Amino acid sequence: MEMGEQYTGTAVFTKVITPPEDEFKGEKIKPSNYLIQNTYGDNFLLYREIPQEEVEWFKEEKLFIYEGKMYVMLANLSSEENAMTAIKSYWRAMKGLNLLTN
């Protein structure tokens, strides 16, 4: 973690979650990748990958770099399942936006 890191301990795991390619193939609006990080116990941090041109929109203390990609923290959730529910909700919203643009 870098740039105003949110958690200073050791992460139990970090997972990058990518949207299903087949569901968004050919769509104008592509959903972001997300990152789930379990820092300890029931503490799951949810982040969204942001392109470089969006970095200035966020406060530095909420950003960090993981494997060369920039992420912004969205939420601190109690389970990985809750984090996945949130991610799928964001993806459904992208599908809805794509329906409006067709």
N, C-alpha and C. Protein backbone atom coordinates (compact mmCIF):
# COMPACT_ATOMS: atom_id res chain seq x y z
N MET A 1 0.85 -1.18 0.00
CA MET A 1 0.00 0.00 0.00
C MET A 1 0.89 1.24 0.00
N GLU A 2 0.38 2.28 -0.61
CA GLU A 2 1.11 3.54 -0.64
C GLU A 2 0.11 4.68 -0.62
N MET A 3 0.59 5.90 -0.68
CA MET A 3 -0.22 7.11 -0.78
C MET A 3 -1.34 7.19 0.26
N GLY A 4 -1.01 7.42 1.50
CA GLY A 4 -2.03 7.60 2.51
C GLY A 4 -2.71 6.31 2.89
N GLU A 5 -1.96 5.27 2.95
CA GLU A 5 -2.44 3.93 3.24
C GLU A 5 -3.46 3.93 4.38
N GLN A 6 -4.53 3.17 4.23
CA GLN A 6 -5.61 3.10 5.21
C GLN A 6 -5.30 2.14 6.36
N TYR A 7 -4.59 1.08 6.08
CA TYR A 7 -4.33 0.05 7.08
C TYR A 7 -2.84 -0.20 7.15
N THR A 8 -2.28 -0.21 8.35
CA THR A 8 -0.83 -0.34 8.48
C THR A 8 -0.38 -1.73 8.91
N GLY A 9 -1.29 -2.65 9.19
CA GLY A 9 -0.93 -4.01 9.58
C GLY A 9 -0.76 -4.90 8.37
N THR A 10 -0.68 -6.19 8.63
CA THR A 10 -0.50 -7.17 7.56
C THR A 10 -1.87 -7.65 7.08
N ALA A 11 -2.07 -7.63 5.77
CA ALA A 11 -3.32 -8.12 5.20
C ALA A 11 -3.32 -9.64 5.22
N VAL A 12 -4.47 -10.21 5.56
CA VAL A 12 -4.63 -11.66 5.53
C VAL A 12 -4.69 -12.10 4.07
N PHE A 13 -5.47 -11.38 3.26
CA PHE A 13 -5.47 -11.63 1.83
C PHE A 13 -5.90 -10.37 1.09
N THR A 14 -5.53 -10.32 -0.17
CA THR A 14 -5.92 -9.24 -1.08
C THR A 14 -6.34 -9.91 -2.38
N LYS A 15 -7.55 -9.59 -2.86
CA LYS A 15 -8.06 -10.16 -4.11
C LYS A 15 -8.50 -9.05 -5.04
N VAL A 16 -8.07 -9.14 -6.29
CA VAL A 16 -8.58 -8.24 -7.32
C VAL A 16 -9.74 -8.96 -8.00
N ILE A 17 -10.88 -8.27 -8.08
CA ILE A 17 -12.09 -8.84 -8.68
C ILE A 17 -12.35 -8.12 -10.00
N THR A 18 -12.36 -8.88 -11.08
CA THR A 18 -12.59 -8.28 -12.41
C THR A 18 -14.00 -8.63 -12.88
N PRO A 19 -14.63 -7.73 -13.63
CA PRO A 19 -15.98 -8.00 -14.12
C PRO A 19 -15.98 -9.13 -15.15
N PRO A 20 -17.07 -9.86 -15.23
CA PRO A 20 -17.15 -10.93 -16.23
C PRO A 20 -17.14 -10.34 -17.65
N GLU A 21 -16.12 -10.68 -18.42
CA GLU A 21 -15.95 -10.10 -19.75
C GLU A 21 -17.15 -10.32 -20.65
N ASP A 22 -17.72 -11.52 -20.62
CA ASP A 22 -18.84 -11.83 -21.51
C ASP A 22 -20.07 -10.96 -21.24
N GLU A 23 -20.27 -10.52 -20.02
CA GLU A 23 -21.42 -9.69 -19.68
C GLU A 23 -21.29 -8.25 -20.15
N PHE A 24 -20.06 -7.80 -20.39
CA PHE A 24 -19.84 -6.40 -20.75
C PHE A 24 -19.17 -6.24 -22.12
N LYS A 25 -19.08 -7.33 -22.85
CA LYS A 25 -18.46 -7.29 -24.18
C LYS A 25 -19.27 -6.38 -25.10
N GLY A 26 -18.60 -5.43 -25.71
CA GLY A 26 -19.24 -4.52 -26.65
C GLY A 26 -19.99 -3.36 -26.00
N GLU A 27 -19.99 -3.27 -24.69
CA GLU A 27 -20.70 -2.18 -24.01
C GLU A 27 -19.86 -0.91 -24.05
N LYS A 28 -20.54 0.24 -24.08
CA LYS A 28 -19.86 1.53 -24.09
C LYS A 28 -19.21 1.84 -22.75
N ILE A 29 -19.92 1.55 -21.67
CA ILE A 29 -19.43 1.83 -20.33
C ILE A 29 -18.93 0.53 -19.72
N LYS A 30 -17.65 0.49 -19.46
CA LYS A 30 -17.03 -0.70 -18.87
C LYS A 30 -16.93 -0.55 -17.36
N PRO A 31 -17.26 -1.59 -16.61
CA PRO A 31 -17.14 -1.51 -15.16
C PRO A 31 -15.69 -1.59 -14.71
N SER A 32 -15.46 -1.08 -13.54
CA SER A 32 -14.12 -1.08 -12.95
C SER A 32 -13.79 -2.44 -12.35
N ASN A 33 -12.50 -2.63 -12.11
CA ASN A 33 -12.05 -3.74 -11.29
C ASN A 33 -12.16 -3.28 -9.84
N TYR A 34 -12.31 -4.23 -8.95
CA TYR A 34 -12.39 -3.94 -7.52
C TYR A 34 -11.35 -4.77 -6.79
N LEU A 35 -11.08 -4.38 -5.57
CA LEU A 35 -10.11 -5.08 -4.75
C LEU A 35 -10.73 -5.27 -3.37
N ILE A 36 -10.64 -6.47 -2.86
CA ILE A 36 -11.09 -6.78 -1.50
C ILE A 36 -9.85 -7.15 -0.70
N GLN A 37 -9.74 -6.55 0.47
CA GLN A 37 -8.60 -6.84 1.33
C GLN A 37 -9.10 -7.14 2.73
N ASN A 38 -8.77 -8.33 3.23
CA ASN A 38 -9.09 -8.69 4.61
C ASN A 38 -7.89 -8.34 5.46
N THR A 39 -8.06 -7.39 6.37
CA THR A 39 -6.94 -6.94 7.17
C THR A 39 -6.86 -7.67 8.50
N TYR A 40 -7.98 -8.04 9.07
CA TYR A 40 -8.03 -8.83 10.29
C TYR A 40 -9.48 -9.15 10.59
N GLY A 41 -9.74 -10.35 11.07
CA GLY A 41 -11.09 -10.75 11.47
C GLY A 41 -12.17 -10.38 10.48
N ASP A 42 -13.18 -9.68 10.98
CA ASP A 42 -14.33 -9.27 10.17
C ASP A 42 -14.14 -7.87 9.62
N ASN A 43 -13.00 -7.59 9.05
CA ASN A 43 -12.68 -6.27 8.52
C ASN A 43 -12.24 -6.43 7.07
N PHE A 44 -13.17 -6.17 6.14
CA PHE A 44 -12.91 -6.34 4.72
C PHE A 44 -12.99 -4.97 4.05
N LEU A 45 -11.86 -4.51 3.53
CA LEU A 45 -11.81 -3.22 2.86
C LEU A 45 -12.13 -3.41 1.39
N LEU A 46 -13.01 -2.56 0.85
CA LEU A 46 -13.41 -2.63 -0.55
C LEU A 46 -12.88 -1.40 -1.27
N TYR A 47 -12.19 -1.63 -2.37
CA TYR A 47 -11.59 -0.56 -3.17
C TYR A 47 -12.04 -0.69 -4.63
N ARG A 48 -12.05 0.44 -5.34
CA ARG A 48 -12.32 0.46 -6.78
C ARG A 48 -11.07 0.95 -7.49
N GLU A 49 -10.71 0.26 -8.57
CA GLU A 49 -9.58 0.71 -9.38
C GLU A 49 -9.99 1.97 -10.12
N ILE A 50 -9.10 2.94 -10.14
CA ILE A 50 -9.40 4.19 -10.85
C ILE A 50 -8.32 4.48 -11.88
N PRO A 51 -8.73 5.03 -13.02
CA PRO A 51 -7.73 5.41 -14.03
C PRO A 51 -6.95 6.64 -13.56
N GLN A 52 -5.78 6.81 -14.10
CA GLN A 52 -4.90 7.91 -13.70
C GLN A 52 -5.59 9.27 -13.80
N GLU A 53 -6.44 9.46 -14.80
CA GLU A 53 -7.10 10.77 -14.98
C GLU A 53 -8.11 11.08 -13.87
N GLU A 54 -8.50 10.10 -13.08
CA GLU A 54 -9.44 10.33 -11.97
C GLU A 54 -8.73 10.59 -10.64
N VAL A 55 -7.44 10.38 -10.57
CA VAL A 55 -6.71 10.49 -9.30
C VAL A 55 -6.95 11.83 -8.62
N GLU A 56 -6.96 12.90 -9.36
CA GLU A 56 -7.13 14.23 -8.76
C GLU A 56 -8.51 14.42 -8.13
N TRP A 57 -9.48 13.60 -8.48
CA TRP A 57 -10.83 13.71 -7.92
C TRP A 57 -10.92 13.22 -6.49
N PHE A 58 -9.93 12.46 -6.05
CA PHE A 58 -9.98 11.84 -4.72
C PHE A 58 -8.90 12.40 -3.83
N LYS A 59 -9.17 12.40 -2.55
CA LYS A 59 -8.17 12.83 -1.58
C LYS A 59 -7.08 11.77 -1.50
N GLU A 60 -5.86 12.21 -1.44
CA GLU A 60 -4.74 11.27 -1.43
C GLU A 60 -4.82 10.25 -0.30
N GLU A 61 -5.36 10.63 0.84
CA GLU A 61 -5.37 9.68 1.96
C GLU A 61 -6.28 8.48 1.70
N LYS A 62 -7.09 8.51 0.65
CA LYS A 62 -7.96 7.38 0.33
C LYS A 62 -7.42 6.53 -0.82
N LEU A 63 -6.27 6.88 -1.35
CA LEU A 63 -5.73 6.17 -2.51
C LEU A 63 -4.52 5.32 -2.12
N PHE A 64 -4.36 4.21 -2.83
CA PHE A 64 -3.13 3.44 -2.71
C PHE A 64 -2.89 2.69 -4.01
N ILE A 65 -1.66 2.24 -4.16
CA ILE A 65 -1.27 1.51 -5.37
C ILE A 65 -1.08 0.04 -5.00
N TYR A 66 -1.69 -0.83 -5.80
CA TYR A 66 -1.53 -2.27 -5.64
C TYR A 66 -1.18 -2.85 -7.00
N GLU A 67 -0.05 -3.50 -7.10
CA GLU A 67 0.43 -4.10 -8.34
C GLU A 67 0.38 -3.11 -9.50
N GLY A 68 0.80 -1.88 -9.23
CA GLY A 68 0.91 -0.86 -10.27
C GLY A 68 -0.40 -0.17 -10.66
N LYS A 69 -1.49 -0.49 -9.98
CA LYS A 69 -2.78 0.12 -10.28
C LYS A 69 -3.25 0.95 -9.08
N MET A 70 -3.95 2.05 -9.37
CA MET A 70 -4.42 2.96 -8.33
C MET A 70 -5.84 2.56 -7.89
N TYR A 71 -6.06 2.55 -6.58
CA TYR A 71 -7.36 2.19 -6.01
C TYR A 71 -7.81 3.25 -5.02
N VAL A 72 -9.14 3.41 -4.93
CA VAL A 72 -9.73 4.30 -3.94
C VAL A 72 -10.61 3.44 -3.01
N MET A 73 -10.53 3.71 -1.73
CA MET A 73 -11.31 2.95 -0.76
C MET A 73 -12.77 3.37 -0.81
N LEU A 74 -13.66 2.38 -0.86
CA LEU A 74 -15.10 2.64 -0.89
C LEU A 74 -15.77 2.33 0.44
N ALA A 75 -15.40 1.22 1.06
CA ALA A 75 -16.12 0.80 2.26
C ALA A 75 -15.28 -0.15 3.10
N ASN A 76 -15.67 -0.25 4.36
CA ASN A 76 -15.12 -1.22 5.28
C ASN A 76 -16.29 -2.11 5.67
N LEU A 77 -16.26 -3.37 5.23
CA LEU A 77 -17.40 -4.26 5.40
C LEU A 77 -17.07 -5.42 6.33
N SER A 78 -18.09 -6.12 6.79
CA SER A 78 -17.90 -7.16 7.79
C SER A 78 -17.61 -8.55 7.22
N SER A 79 -17.75 -8.72 5.88
CA SER A 79 -17.47 -10.02 5.30
C SER A 79 -17.11 -9.89 3.83
N GLU A 80 -16.45 -10.92 3.32
CA GLU A 80 -16.13 -10.96 1.90
C GLU A 80 -17.41 -11.04 1.08
N GLU A 81 -18.39 -11.76 1.60
CA GLU A 81 -19.69 -11.88 0.93
C GLU A 81 -20.35 -10.50 0.76
N ASN A 82 -20.30 -9.67 1.80
CA ASN A 82 -20.86 -8.32 1.71
C ASN A 82 -20.10 -7.48 0.67
N ALA A 83 -18.78 -7.66 0.60
CA ALA A 83 -17.98 -6.94 -0.39
C ALA A 83 -18.38 -7.37 -1.80
N MET A 84 -18.55 -8.68 -2.01
CA MET A 84 -18.96 -9.17 -3.33
C MET A 84 -20.36 -8.69 -3.69
N THR A 85 -21.25 -8.61 -2.73
CA THR A 85 -22.59 -8.08 -2.98
C THR A 85 -22.52 -6.64 -3.45
N ALA A 86 -21.66 -5.85 -2.81
CA ALA A 86 -21.50 -4.45 -3.21
C ALA A 86 -20.93 -4.36 -4.62
N ILE A 87 -19.94 -5.17 -4.93
CA ILE A 87 -19.33 -5.16 -6.27
C ILE A 87 -20.38 -5.52 -7.33
N LYS A 88 -21.13 -6.56 -7.09
CA LYS A 88 -22.16 -6.98 -8.05
C LYS A 88 -23.22 -5.90 -8.22
N SER A 89 -23.50 -5.15 -7.17
CA SER A 89 -24.43 -4.04 -7.25
C SER A 89 -23.89 -2.94 -8.18
N TYR A 90 -22.60 -2.63 -8.04
CA TYR A 90 -21.97 -1.65 -8.93
C TYR A 90 -22.03 -2.12 -10.37
N TRP A 91 -21.79 -3.41 -10.59
CA TRP A 91 -21.82 -3.95 -11.95
C TRP A 91 -23.24 -3.88 -12.53
N ARG A 92 -24.25 -4.17 -11.72
CA ARG A 92 -25.64 -4.04 -12.19
C ARG A 92 -25.94 -2.60 -12.60
N ALA A 93 -25.41 -1.65 -11.84
CA ALA A 93 -25.61 -0.24 -12.17
C ALA A 93 -24.96 0.09 -13.52
N MET A 94 -23.81 -0.48 -13.80
CA MET A 94 -23.14 -0.26 -15.09
C MET A 94 -23.99 -0.84 -16.23
N LYS A 95 -24.61 -1.98 -15.99
CA LYS A 95 -25.50 -2.59 -17.01
C LYS A 95 -26.66 -1.64 -17.27
N GLY A 96 -27.21 -1.05 -16.20
CA GLY A 96 -28.32 -0.11 -16.35
C GLY A 96 -27.91 1.13 -17.13
N LEU A 97 -26.75 1.63 -16.86
CA LEU A 97 -26.24 2.80 -17.59
C LEU A 97 -26.05 2.46 -19.07
N ASN A 98 -25.57 1.26 -19.34
CA ASN A 98 -25.38 0.85 -20.73
C ASN A 98 -26.71 0.74 -21.47
N LEU A 99 -27.76 0.32 -20.78
CA LEU A 99 -29.09 0.27 -21.41
C LEU A 99 -29.54 1.67 -21.80
N LEU A 100 -29.22 2.66 -20.98
CA LEU A 100 -29.61 4.04 -21.27
C LEU A 100 -28.83 4.63 -22.44
N THR A 101 -27.63 4.13 -22.69
CA THR A 101 -26.79 4.69 -23.76
C THR A 101 -27.01 4.01 -25.10
N ASN A 102 -27.75 2.91 -25.13
CA ASN A 102 -27.99 2.20 -26.40
C ASN A 102 -29.14 2.82 -27.17
